[in-house]
Structures are given as structure tokens and as C-alpha cells.
Amino acid sequence: MIDFVGSKLSNQAADWRKGCRLRAWEPKQEGWKQCDHVKSLGVIAGAVSQWMKRAEYGGIEALGHRKAPGGPSRLTAGQRARISELLR
């Protein structure tokens, strides 16, 4: 199994998700086939394929965090704070 944990860019990522996407991108730039390094990342091949497509069109910056789709929350800050209390 190939280990890409020690790579430069992925170690600089503040978010572990972005680090994983960068660990997938780096070997691709070195000519590795996707199937060779997907197993070492612990993700499915479809996810890596989508990440590579995003990086191809948007550059390495596209591998960063994207805001989740959807509208703003309708709950106030006080209501969100009470959710765990209400669930108990």
C-alpha cells in the first residue's frame, strides 16, 4: 500500500478533508493511476474521481472546503443552542 501522508501540501491543510483531497491530487500529478492510491486514502474511487475533475477545472484551490448548498438556517442562535437540551 502506498502512503502519501508525508506530502507537503496535504500536511499544510487545516481541514482533514482538504488534506485527504490534496493527498489524492499529489500522486495524480506524479503520474500515478487513480486505482493505485485510492485504497491508501480510505475513500471510494468515485469521490477521488470527482475531486480530480474539480481540480482539473478549478485548480488546486477547488479542492478546498465548499459551502454546503441550501438556504440559511431559519433558527435563531438561541434556538440552535437549545437543540441538544431538547433532544435529551
Protein backbone atom coordinates (compact mmCIF):
# COMPACT_ATOMS: atom_id res chain seq x y z
CA MET A 1 0.00 0.00 0.00
CA ILE A 2 1.23 3.49 -0.84
CA ASP A 3 1.35 6.12 1.92
CA PHE A 4 1.07 9.78 0.94
CA VAL A 5 0.62 11.16 4.44
CA GLY A 6 4.01 12.87 4.43
CA SER A 7 3.34 15.07 1.42
CA LYS A 8 3.95 18.81 1.68
CA LEU A 9 0.61 20.26 0.61
CA SER A 10 -1.57 17.81 2.49
CA ASN A 11 0.31 18.44 5.74
CA GLN A 12 -0.38 22.18 5.42
CA ALA A 13 -4.15 21.72 5.14
CA ALA A 14 -6.05 22.94 8.20
CA ASP A 15 -9.06 20.73 7.43
CA TRP A 16 -8.55 16.94 7.33
CA ARG A 17 -10.99 16.68 4.42
CA LYS A 18 -8.93 19.08 2.34
CA GLY A 19 -5.79 17.17 3.35
CA CYS A 20 -7.34 13.97 2.02
CA ARG A 21 -8.24 15.64 -1.28
CA LEU A 22 -4.71 17.01 -1.59
CA ARG A 23 -3.23 13.57 -0.85
CA ALA A 24 -5.30 12.28 -3.77
CA TRP A 25 -4.19 15.11 -6.06
CA GLU A 26 -0.44 14.95 -5.45
CA PRO A 27 0.22 11.41 -6.78
CA LYS A 28 -2.00 12.17 -9.77
CA GLN A 29 0.44 14.96 -10.68
CA GLU A 30 3.29 12.45 -10.49
CA GLY A 31 1.59 10.15 -12.99
CA TRP A 32 0.09 7.59 -10.61
CA LYS A 33 -3.10 5.91 -11.70
CA GLN A 34 -6.12 6.63 -9.55
CA CYS A 35 -6.70 2.97 -8.69
CA ASP A 36 -3.17 2.76 -7.24
CA HIS A 37 -3.73 5.29 -4.48
CA VAL A 38 -7.48 5.24 -3.73
CA LYS A 39 -7.12 2.35 -1.29
CA SER A 40 -4.46 4.15 0.74
CA LEU A 41 -6.82 7.10 1.24
CA GLY A 42 -9.70 5.00 2.56
CA VAL A 43 -12.24 6.60 0.23
CA ILE A 44 -14.22 5.35 -2.75
CA ALA A 45 -12.96 5.80 -6.29
CA GLY A 46 -15.97 7.93 -7.22
CA ALA A 47 -15.03 10.57 -4.65
CA VAL A 48 -11.46 10.75 -5.92
CA SER A 49 -12.72 11.00 -9.49
CA GLN A 50 -14.91 13.97 -8.55
CA TRP A 51 -12.03 15.65 -6.72
CA MET A 52 -9.73 15.25 -9.73
CA LYS A 53 -12.37 16.73 -12.01
CA ARG A 54 -12.79 19.72 -9.68
CA ALA A 55 -9.01 20.26 -9.55
CA GLU A 56 -8.74 19.96 -13.33
CA TYR A 57 -11.29 22.71 -13.93
CA GLY A 58 -10.74 24.93 -10.91
CA GLY A 59 -7.12 24.33 -9.97
CA ILE A 60 -5.83 23.17 -6.62
CA GLU A 61 -7.89 25.86 -4.86
CA ALA A 62 -11.03 23.96 -5.91
CA LEU A 63 -10.05 21.16 -3.54
CA GLY A 64 -10.73 23.39 -0.53
CA HIS A 65 -13.91 23.49 1.51
CA ARG A 66 -17.10 24.35 -0.31
CA LYS A 67 -20.07 25.81 1.47
CA ALA A 68 -22.92 23.34 1.72
CA PRO A 69 -25.84 24.05 -0.61
CA GLY A 70 -29.13 25.24 0.79
CA GLY A 71 -30.66 28.29 2.30
CA PRO A 72 -29.74 29.97 5.56
CA SER A 73 -30.93 28.46 8.83
CA ARG A 74 -34.33 29.61 9.99
CA LEU A 75 -33.47 29.00 13.62
CA THR A 76 -32.16 31.79 15.80
CA ALA A 77 -28.87 31.36 17.65
CA GLY A 78 -30.82 30.75 20.87
CA GLN A 79 -32.93 28.04 19.25
CA ARG A 80 -29.85 26.28 17.87
CA ALA A 81 -28.25 26.38 21.32
CA ARG A 82 -31.30 24.65 22.85
CA ILE A 83 -31.40 21.75 20.37
CA SER A 84 -29.20 19.40 22.40
CA GLU A 85 -31.16 20.23 25.56
CA LEU A 86 -34.46 19.45 23.85
CA LEU A 87 -33.15 16.18 22.42
CA ARG A 88 -32.16 14.95 25.88
